Amino acid sequence: MRANVDGEGGCHDECRDCAGTVVLLLVCAAVSAQAPATGGSRSSGINPANFDRIVRPQDDFYRFANGEWLRTTRIPDDRATYGPFVALADASQMALRQIVEEAASGTAAPGPIEQMVGDYYASYMDSVTVEQRGLSPLREAIDRIAAVNDRAGVADAAFS
């Protein structure tokens, strides 16, 4: 994809995706640094409430194991598919959002990681400033890339 150097559209979405990844990594670091070791038992992940007891397992094990879930679960309008892994991903996203928003609000436990996460998220959400600044923070890098005339220049631009 060619970056739009005029500051209109272009790489803003890619920058936003990259920023989201960085926030995710910072939050994971913060959570793992504070998470106590747990030594409890783990569940199997099998939920008997999803069983369809009308279907015999030897006739159709998939329907037996998932029949009730298939009958009662509604696929959200914004999804093409839905299942336990999507539900888990959605719950993780909500938990991450709460952690990051708490860090950004200043109510998180004091510490350098929480401060970094909160500041980074607040700057990411400040779309007015992002739009005002456009690509100006990247102008030097864009100019370096634009000055590349040959293969040797690619390495010079990448590592300078």
N, C-alpha and C. Protein backbone atom coordinates (compact mmCIF):
# COMPACT_ATOMS: atom_id res chain seq x y z
N MET A 1 0.85 -1.17 0.00
CA MET A 1 0.00 0.00 0.00
C MET A 1 0.89 1.24 0.00
N ARG A 2 0.55 2.21 -0.76
CA ARG A 2 1.31 3.45 -0.84
C ARG A 2 0.80 4.41 0.22
N ALA A 3 1.71 4.95 1.02
CA ALA A 3 1.32 5.91 2.06
C ALA A 3 0.98 7.24 1.41
N ASN A 4 -0.06 7.88 1.90
CA ASN A 4 -0.47 9.18 1.41
C ASN A 4 0.29 10.23 2.20
N VAL A 5 1.21 10.93 1.55
CA VAL A 5 2.05 11.90 2.26
C VAL A 5 1.39 13.25 2.41
N ASP A 6 0.18 13.41 1.90
CA ASP A 6 -0.51 14.69 2.02
C ASP A 6 -1.28 14.79 3.34
N GLY A 7 -1.29 13.72 4.12
CA GLY A 7 -1.97 13.76 5.41
C GLY A 7 -3.44 13.45 5.33
N GLU A 8 -3.94 12.99 4.19
CA GLU A 8 -5.35 12.68 4.03
C GLU A 8 -5.53 11.18 3.98
N GLY A 9 -6.11 10.59 5.04
CA GLY A 9 -6.36 9.15 5.03
C GLY A 9 -5.06 8.37 5.02
N GLY A 10 -5.02 7.33 4.23
CA GLY A 10 -3.78 6.58 4.04
C GLY A 10 -3.39 5.76 5.24
N CYS A 11 -2.28 6.08 5.86
CA CYS A 11 -1.69 5.21 6.86
C CYS A 11 -2.29 5.40 8.25
N HIS A 12 -3.27 6.28 8.42
CA HIS A 12 -3.83 6.50 9.76
C HIS A 12 -4.39 5.21 10.34
N ASP A 13 -5.07 4.41 9.53
CA ASP A 13 -5.64 3.16 10.02
C ASP A 13 -4.54 2.18 10.41
N GLU A 14 -3.46 2.11 9.60
CA GLU A 14 -2.37 1.21 9.94
C GLU A 14 -1.68 1.67 11.23
N CYS A 15 -1.51 2.96 11.41
CA CYS A 15 -0.91 3.49 12.64
C CYS A 15 -1.79 3.15 13.84
N ARG A 16 -3.10 3.24 13.65
CA ARG A 16 -4.04 2.93 14.72
C ARG A 16 -3.95 1.45 15.09
N ASP A 17 -3.84 0.56 14.07
CA ASP A 17 -3.69 -0.87 14.33
C ASP A 17 -2.41 -1.14 15.11
N CYS A 18 -1.32 -0.50 14.70
CA CYS A 18 -0.03 -0.68 15.38
C CYS A 18 -0.13 -0.17 16.82
N ALA A 19 -0.79 0.95 17.00
CA ALA A 19 -0.94 1.51 18.34
C ALA A 19 -1.74 0.57 19.22
N GLY A 20 -2.77 -0.04 18.67
CA GLY A 20 -3.55 -1.00 19.43
C GLY A 20 -2.72 -2.18 19.89
N THR A 21 -1.83 -2.64 19.02
CA THR A 21 -0.95 -3.75 19.37
C THR A 21 -0.01 -3.36 20.49
N VAL A 22 0.54 -2.16 20.41
CA VAL A 22 1.46 -1.70 21.45
C VAL A 22 0.73 -1.59 22.79
N VAL A 23 -0.49 -1.05 22.78
CA VAL A 23 -1.27 -0.95 24.01
C VAL A 23 -1.53 -2.34 24.57
N LEU A 24 -1.89 -3.28 23.71
CA LEU A 24 -2.13 -4.65 24.15
C LEU A 24 -0.89 -5.24 24.82
N LEU A 25 0.27 -5.04 24.23
CA LEU A 25 1.51 -5.56 24.80
C LEU A 25 1.82 -4.91 26.14
N LEU A 26 1.62 -3.60 26.25
CA LEU A 26 1.86 -2.92 27.52
C LEU A 26 0.90 -3.40 28.60
N VAL A 27 -0.36 -3.60 28.24
CA VAL A 27 -1.34 -4.08 29.21
C VAL A 27 -1.00 -5.48 29.66
N CYS A 28 -0.61 -6.34 28.72
CA CYS A 28 -0.23 -7.71 29.09
C CYS A 28 0.97 -7.69 30.04
N ALA A 29 1.91 -6.81 29.79
CA ALA A 29 3.07 -6.71 30.67
C ALA A 29 2.63 -6.26 32.06
N ALA A 30 1.73 -5.29 32.12
CA ALA A 30 1.25 -4.79 33.41
C ALA A 30 0.48 -5.86 34.17
N VAL A 31 -0.38 -6.56 33.48
CA VAL A 31 -1.19 -7.58 34.13
C VAL A 31 -0.32 -8.75 34.59
N SER A 32 0.60 -9.20 33.75
CA SER A 32 1.42 -10.34 34.13
C SER A 32 2.38 -9.99 35.26
N ALA A 33 2.78 -8.73 35.34
CA ALA A 33 3.66 -8.32 36.42
C ALA A 33 2.94 -8.32 37.76
N GLN A 34 1.62 -8.12 37.73
CA GLN A 34 0.86 -8.02 38.97
C GLN A 34 0.05 -9.27 39.27
N ALA A 35 -0.06 -10.20 38.32
CA ALA A 35 -0.92 -11.36 38.51
C ALA A 35 -0.31 -12.33 39.51
N PRO A 36 -1.04 -12.68 40.56
CA PRO A 36 -0.52 -13.66 41.50
C PRO A 36 -0.57 -15.06 40.89
N ALA A 37 0.33 -15.90 41.30
CA ALA A 37 0.33 -17.28 40.82
C ALA A 37 -0.88 -17.99 41.41
N THR A 38 -1.60 -18.70 40.56
CA THR A 38 -2.75 -19.44 41.04
C THR A 38 -2.45 -20.92 40.94
N GLY A 39 -2.85 -21.64 41.92
CA GLY A 39 -2.57 -23.06 41.93
C GLY A 39 -3.83 -23.89 42.09
N GLY A 40 -4.96 -23.38 41.62
CA GLY A 40 -6.21 -24.09 41.78
C GLY A 40 -6.41 -25.12 40.68
N SER A 41 -7.52 -25.82 40.77
CA SER A 41 -7.84 -26.82 39.75
C SER A 41 -8.40 -26.12 38.52
N ARG A 42 -8.28 -26.78 37.40
CA ARG A 42 -8.77 -26.24 36.15
C ARG A 42 -9.97 -27.06 35.70
N SER A 43 -10.91 -26.40 35.06
CA SER A 43 -12.07 -27.13 34.55
C SER A 43 -11.74 -27.67 33.17
N SER A 44 -12.54 -28.60 32.71
CA SER A 44 -12.26 -29.25 31.43
C SER A 44 -12.68 -28.39 30.25
N GLY A 45 -13.56 -27.43 30.48
CA GLY A 45 -14.07 -26.63 29.39
C GLY A 45 -15.32 -27.22 28.78
N ILE A 46 -15.73 -28.38 29.24
CA ILE A 46 -16.95 -29.01 28.75
C ILE A 46 -18.10 -28.52 29.61
N ASN A 47 -19.11 -27.99 28.98
CA ASN A 47 -20.26 -27.47 29.70
C ASN A 47 -21.45 -28.41 29.47
N PRO A 48 -21.80 -29.20 30.46
CA PRO A 48 -22.92 -30.14 30.30
C PRO A 48 -24.26 -29.45 29.99
N ALA A 49 -24.37 -28.16 30.31
CA ALA A 49 -25.61 -27.45 30.01
C ALA A 49 -25.82 -27.34 28.50
N ASN A 50 -24.77 -27.50 27.71
CA ASN A 50 -24.89 -27.43 26.26
C ASN A 50 -25.29 -28.77 25.64
N PHE A 51 -25.32 -29.82 26.41
CA PHE A 51 -25.66 -31.15 25.89
C PHE A 51 -27.12 -31.19 25.47
N ASP A 52 -27.37 -31.92 24.40
CA ASP A 52 -28.74 -32.20 23.97
C ASP A 52 -29.00 -33.65 24.33
N ARG A 53 -29.66 -33.88 25.44
CA ARG A 53 -29.86 -35.23 25.97
C ARG A 53 -30.85 -36.05 25.13
N ILE A 54 -31.53 -35.39 24.21
CA ILE A 54 -32.45 -36.13 23.33
C ILE A 54 -31.68 -36.92 22.28
N VAL A 55 -30.53 -36.38 21.86
CA VAL A 55 -29.69 -37.02 20.86
C VAL A 55 -28.75 -38.00 21.54
N ARG A 56 -28.67 -39.20 21.02
CA ARG A 56 -27.75 -40.19 21.58
C ARG A 56 -26.33 -39.87 21.10
N PRO A 57 -25.34 -39.89 21.98
CA PRO A 57 -23.97 -39.54 21.57
C PRO A 57 -23.44 -40.43 20.45
N GLN A 58 -23.81 -41.70 20.42
CA GLN A 58 -23.31 -42.58 19.38
C GLN A 58 -23.97 -42.31 18.03
N ASP A 59 -25.10 -41.60 18.01
CA ASP A 59 -25.76 -41.29 16.75
C ASP A 59 -25.21 -40.01 16.12
N ASP A 60 -25.00 -38.98 16.95
CA ASP A 60 -24.49 -37.70 16.45
C ASP A 60 -23.82 -36.98 17.63
N PHE A 61 -22.55 -37.25 17.82
CA PHE A 61 -21.87 -36.71 18.99
C PHE A 61 -21.83 -35.17 18.96
N TYR A 62 -21.65 -34.58 17.79
CA TYR A 62 -21.62 -33.12 17.69
C TYR A 62 -22.93 -32.53 18.20
N ARG A 63 -24.06 -33.08 17.75
CA ARG A 63 -25.37 -32.58 18.20
C ARG A 63 -25.58 -32.87 19.69
N PHE A 64 -25.12 -34.02 20.14
CA PHE A 64 -25.24 -34.34 21.56
C PHE A 64 -24.47 -33.33 22.41
N ALA A 65 -23.23 -33.04 22.03
CA ALA A 65 -22.36 -32.17 22.83
C ALA A 65 -22.73 -30.70 22.70
N ASN A 66 -23.31 -30.29 21.57
CA ASN A 66 -23.55 -28.86 21.32
C ASN A 66 -24.99 -28.50 21.04
N GLY A 67 -25.88 -29.46 21.05
CA GLY A 67 -27.25 -29.22 20.61
C GLY A 67 -27.97 -28.09 21.33
N GLU A 68 -27.87 -28.06 22.65
CA GLU A 68 -28.56 -27.00 23.40
C GLU A 68 -27.95 -25.64 23.09
N TRP A 69 -26.63 -25.59 23.00
CA TRP A 69 -25.97 -24.33 22.67
C TRP A 69 -26.38 -23.86 21.27
N LEU A 70 -26.42 -24.78 20.31
CA LEU A 70 -26.83 -24.44 18.95
C LEU A 70 -28.27 -23.93 18.91
N ARG A 71 -29.11 -24.50 19.74
CA ARG A 71 -30.52 -24.12 19.77
C ARG A 71 -30.73 -22.75 20.43
N THR A 72 -29.94 -22.42 21.43
CA THR A 72 -30.22 -21.22 22.23
C THR A 72 -29.32 -20.03 21.94
N THR A 73 -28.20 -20.24 21.28
CA THR A 73 -27.26 -19.15 21.05
C THR A 73 -27.61 -18.40 19.77
N ARG A 74 -27.66 -17.11 19.89
CA ARG A 74 -27.95 -16.24 18.75
C ARG A 74 -26.64 -15.64 18.25
N ILE A 75 -26.41 -15.71 16.95
CA ILE A 75 -25.22 -15.09 16.36
C ILE A 75 -25.46 -13.59 16.31
N PRO A 76 -24.57 -12.78 16.91
CA PRO A 76 -24.76 -11.32 16.86
C PRO A 76 -24.82 -10.81 15.42
N ASP A 77 -25.56 -9.74 15.22
CA ASP A 77 -25.77 -9.19 13.89
C ASP A 77 -24.48 -8.77 13.20
N ASP A 78 -23.47 -8.39 13.99
CA ASP A 78 -22.22 -7.92 13.39
C ASP A 78 -21.22 -9.04 13.16
N ARG A 79 -21.64 -10.30 13.28
CA ARG A 79 -20.74 -11.44 13.14
C ARG A 79 -21.26 -12.39 12.07
N ALA A 80 -20.33 -13.05 11.40
CA ALA A 80 -20.70 -14.09 10.45
C ALA A 80 -20.76 -15.43 11.14
N THR A 81 -20.07 -15.55 12.25
CA THR A 81 -20.03 -16.78 13.02
C THR A 81 -19.88 -16.43 14.49
N TYR A 82 -20.16 -17.39 15.35
CA TYR A 82 -20.04 -17.12 16.78
C TYR A 82 -19.82 -18.45 17.49
N GLY A 83 -18.99 -18.41 18.49
CA GLY A 83 -18.70 -19.62 19.25
C GLY A 83 -17.98 -19.26 20.53
N PRO A 84 -17.59 -20.25 21.29
CA PRO A 84 -16.93 -20.00 22.57
C PRO A 84 -15.64 -19.18 22.44
N PHE A 85 -14.89 -19.41 21.37
CA PHE A 85 -13.64 -18.67 21.22
C PHE A 85 -13.91 -17.20 20.90
N VAL A 86 -14.95 -16.94 20.12
CA VAL A 86 -15.32 -15.55 19.83
C VAL A 86 -15.82 -14.89 21.11
N ALA A 87 -16.62 -15.61 21.89
CA ALA A 87 -17.11 -15.07 23.16
C ALA A 87 -15.94 -14.77 24.10
N LEU A 88 -14.96 -15.67 24.14
CA LEU A 88 -13.78 -15.46 24.97
C LEU A 88 -12.98 -14.25 24.48
N ALA A 89 -12.82 -14.11 23.17
CA ALA A 89 -12.11 -12.96 22.61
C ALA A 89 -12.84 -11.67 22.95
N ASP A 90 -14.17 -11.67 22.84
CA ASP A 90 -14.96 -10.48 23.18
C ASP A 90 -14.79 -10.12 24.66
N ALA A 91 -14.84 -11.11 25.52
CA ALA A 91 -14.67 -10.86 26.96
C ALA A 91 -13.28 -10.33 27.26
N SER A 92 -12.27 -10.87 26.57
CA SER A 92 -10.89 -10.39 26.75
C SER A 92 -10.76 -8.95 26.30
N GLN A 93 -11.37 -8.61 25.17
CA GLN A 93 -11.33 -7.24 24.68
C GLN A 93 -11.98 -6.27 25.66
N MET A 94 -13.11 -6.69 26.24
CA MET A 94 -13.78 -5.83 27.22
C MET A 94 -12.93 -5.65 28.47
N ALA A 95 -12.30 -6.73 28.93
CA ALA A 95 -11.44 -6.64 30.12
C ALA A 95 -10.25 -5.74 29.83
N LEU A 96 -9.65 -5.91 28.66
CA LEU A 96 -8.51 -5.06 28.27
C LEU A 96 -8.92 -3.59 28.21
N ARG A 97 -10.08 -3.34 27.63
CA ARG A 97 -10.56 -1.96 27.53
C ARG A 97 -10.74 -1.34 28.92
N GLN A 98 -11.31 -2.11 29.85
CA GLN A 98 -11.50 -1.60 31.20
C GLN A 98 -10.17 -1.30 31.87
N ILE A 99 -9.19 -2.18 31.71
CA ILE A 99 -7.87 -1.98 32.30
C ILE A 99 -7.23 -0.72 31.74
N VAL A 100 -7.27 -0.57 30.43
CA VAL A 100 -6.62 0.56 29.77
C VAL A 100 -7.34 1.87 30.12
N GLU A 101 -8.66 1.84 30.11
CA GLU A 101 -9.40 3.06 30.45
C GLU A 101 -9.19 3.45 31.90
N GLU A 102 -9.06 2.47 32.78
CA GLU A 102 -8.76 2.77 34.18
C GLU A 102 -7.38 3.42 34.29
N ALA A 103 -6.41 2.88 33.55
CA ALA A 103 -5.06 3.46 33.57
C ALA A 103 -5.08 4.88 33.02
N ALA A 104 -5.88 5.12 31.99
CA ALA A 104 -5.96 6.45 31.40
C ALA A 104 -6.70 7.45 32.29
N SER A 105 -7.61 6.94 33.13
CA SER A 105 -8.39 7.85 33.98
C SER A 105 -7.61 8.32 35.19
N GLY A 106 -6.49 7.67 35.48
CA GLY A 106 -5.69 8.07 36.62
C GLY A 106 -6.09 7.38 37.91
N THR A 107 -7.04 6.44 37.84
CA THR A 107 -7.47 5.75 39.05
C THR A 107 -6.76 4.40 39.23
N ALA A 108 -5.89 4.05 38.31
CA ALA A 108 -5.16 2.77 38.41
C ALA A 108 -4.13 2.87 39.53
N ALA A 109 -3.67 1.72 39.96
CA ALA A 109 -2.61 1.69 40.97
C ALA A 109 -1.39 2.43 40.44
N PRO A 110 -0.74 3.22 41.29
CA PRO A 110 0.40 3.99 40.80
C PRO A 110 1.54 3.06 40.39
N GLY A 111 2.22 3.46 39.34
CA GLY A 111 3.36 2.67 38.86
C GLY A 111 3.71 3.10 37.45
N PRO A 112 4.95 2.87 37.06
CA PRO A 112 5.38 3.35 35.76
C PRO A 112 4.66 2.67 34.59
N ILE A 113 4.31 1.37 34.72
CA ILE A 113 3.65 0.69 33.62
C ILE A 113 2.24 1.23 33.44
N GLU A 114 1.51 1.39 34.55
CA GLU A 114 0.16 1.93 34.47
C GLU A 114 0.18 3.33 33.88
N GLN A 115 1.16 4.13 34.26
CA GLN A 115 1.29 5.49 33.73
C GLN A 115 1.52 5.45 32.23
N MET A 116 2.42 4.57 31.77
CA MET A 116 2.70 4.48 30.33
C MET A 116 1.47 4.03 29.57
N VAL A 117 0.79 3.00 30.07
CA VAL A 117 -0.41 2.50 29.39
C VAL A 117 -1.46 3.60 29.33
N GLY A 118 -1.70 4.26 30.45
CA GLY A 118 -2.70 5.32 30.49
C GLY A 118 -2.37 6.47 29.57
N ASP A 119 -1.13 6.92 29.58
CA ASP A 119 -0.72 8.03 28.71
C ASP A 119 -0.81 7.65 27.24
N TYR A 120 -0.36 6.44 26.93
CA TYR A 120 -0.38 6.00 25.53
C TYR A 120 -1.81 5.89 25.03
N TYR A 121 -2.69 5.32 25.83
CA TYR A 121 -4.09 5.17 25.43
C TYR A 121 -4.75 6.54 25.28
N ALA A 122 -4.48 7.43 26.21
CA ALA A 122 -5.08 8.78 26.12
C ALA A 122 -4.62 9.49 24.86
N SER A 123 -3.34 9.34 24.51
CA SER A 123 -2.86 9.99 23.27
C SER A 123 -3.46 9.33 22.04
N TYR A 124 -3.67 8.03 22.10
CA TYR A 124 -4.28 7.28 20.99
C TYR A 124 -5.73 7.72 20.79
N MET A 125 -6.43 7.96 21.88
CA MET A 125 -7.84 8.34 21.78
C MET A 125 -8.04 9.81 21.45
N ASP A 126 -6.99 10.59 21.52
CA ASP A 126 -7.08 12.02 21.22
C ASP A 126 -7.07 12.23 19.70
N SER A 127 -8.18 11.88 19.05
CA SER A 127 -8.24 11.92 17.59
C SER A 127 -8.15 13.34 17.04
N VAL A 128 -8.57 14.33 17.81
CA VAL A 128 -8.48 15.72 17.34
C VAL A 128 -7.02 16.10 17.12
N THR A 129 -6.16 15.81 18.10
CA THR A 129 -4.74 16.12 17.97
C THR A 129 -4.10 15.28 16.87
N VAL A 130 -4.48 14.00 16.79
CA VAL A 130 -3.92 13.13 15.74
C VAL A 130 -4.25 13.70 14.37
N GLU A 131 -5.50 14.10 14.17
CA GLU A 131 -5.89 14.65 12.87
C GLU A 131 -5.22 16.00 12.60
N GLN A 132 -5.07 16.83 13.62
CA GLN A 132 -4.40 18.12 13.44
C GLN A 132 -2.95 17.94 13.04
N ARG A 133 -2.27 17.01 13.69
CA ARG A 133 -0.85 16.80 13.41
C ARG A 133 -0.63 16.05 12.11
N GLY A 134 -1.61 15.24 11.72
CA GLY A 134 -1.49 14.49 10.47
C GLY A 134 -0.22 13.65 10.44
N LEU A 135 0.53 13.76 9.37
CA LEU A 135 1.76 12.99 9.22
C LEU A 135 3.00 13.76 9.64
N SER A 136 2.83 14.96 10.19
CA SER A 136 3.99 15.77 10.55
C SER A 136 4.97 15.05 11.49
N PRO A 137 4.53 14.23 12.46
CA PRO A 137 5.51 13.52 13.28
C PRO A 137 6.34 12.52 12.47
N LEU A 138 5.82 12.11 11.34
CA LEU A 138 6.52 11.13 10.50
C LEU A 138 7.25 11.77 9.32
N ARG A 139 7.19 13.08 9.21
CA ARG A 139 7.73 13.77 8.04
C ARG A 139 9.19 13.42 7.78
N GLU A 140 10.03 13.38 8.81
CA GLU A 140 11.45 13.07 8.63
C GLU A 140 11.62 11.67 8.02
N ALA A 141 10.90 10.70 8.54
CA ALA A 141 11.01 9.32 8.01
C ALA A 141 10.48 9.25 6.58
N ILE A 142 9.39 9.93 6.31
CA ILE A 142 8.83 9.94 4.96
C ILE A 142 9.81 10.56 3.97
N ASP A 143 10.45 11.65 4.37
CA ASP A 143 11.43 12.30 3.49
C ASP A 143 12.63 11.38 3.23
N ARG A 144 13.08 10.66 4.27
CA ARG A 144 14.18 9.71 4.10
C ARG A 144 13.80 8.62 3.09
N ILE A 145 12.59 8.11 3.20
CA ILE A 145 12.13 7.07 2.29
C ILE A 145 11.99 7.63 0.87
N ALA A 146 11.47 8.83 0.76
CA ALA A 146 11.30 9.45 -0.56
C ALA A 146 12.64 9.70 -1.25
N ALA A 147 13.70 9.85 -0.47
CA ALA A 147 15.02 10.13 -1.04
C ALA A 147 15.72 8.87 -1.55
N VAL A 148 15.15 7.71 -1.33
CA VAL A 148 15.78 6.46 -1.78
C VAL A 148 15.73 6.39 -3.30
N ASN A 149 16.93 6.18 -3.90
CA ASN A 149 17.02 6.11 -5.36
C ASN A 149 17.47 4.75 -5.86
N ASP A 150 18.03 3.93 -4.98
CA ASP A 150 18.55 2.64 -5.40
C ASP A 150 18.46 1.65 -4.25
N ARG A 151 18.88 0.41 -4.51
CA ARG A 151 18.80 -0.64 -3.49
C ARG A 151 19.63 -0.31 -2.25
N ALA A 152 20.79 0.22 -2.45
CA ALA A 152 21.67 0.56 -1.32
C ALA A 152 21.00 1.61 -0.44
N GLY A 153 20.24 2.50 -1.05
CA GLY A 153 19.56 3.54 -0.30
C GLY A 153 18.48 3.00 0.61
N VAL A 154 17.93 1.82 0.27
CA VAL A 154 16.89 1.22 1.11
C VAL A 154 17.45 0.89 2.48
N ALA A 155 18.62 0.25 2.51
CA ALA A 155 19.26 -0.09 3.79
C ALA A 155 19.62 1.16 4.57
N ASP A 156 20.14 2.14 3.86
CA ASP A 156 20.51 3.39 4.54
C ASP A 156 19.28 4.05 5.18
N ALA A 157 18.18 4.08 4.45
CA ALA A 157 16.95 4.71 4.96
C ALA A 157 16.36 3.90 6.11
N ALA A 158 16.46 2.58 6.02
CA ALA A 158 15.86 1.73 7.04
C ALA A 158 16.60 1.79 8.37
N PHE A 159 17.91 1.97 8.31
CA PHE A 159 18.70 1.89 9.54
C PHE A 159 19.32 3.21 9.96
N SER A 160 18.83 4.30 9.44
CA SER A 160 19.39 5.60 9.86
C SER A 160 18.47 6.31 10.79
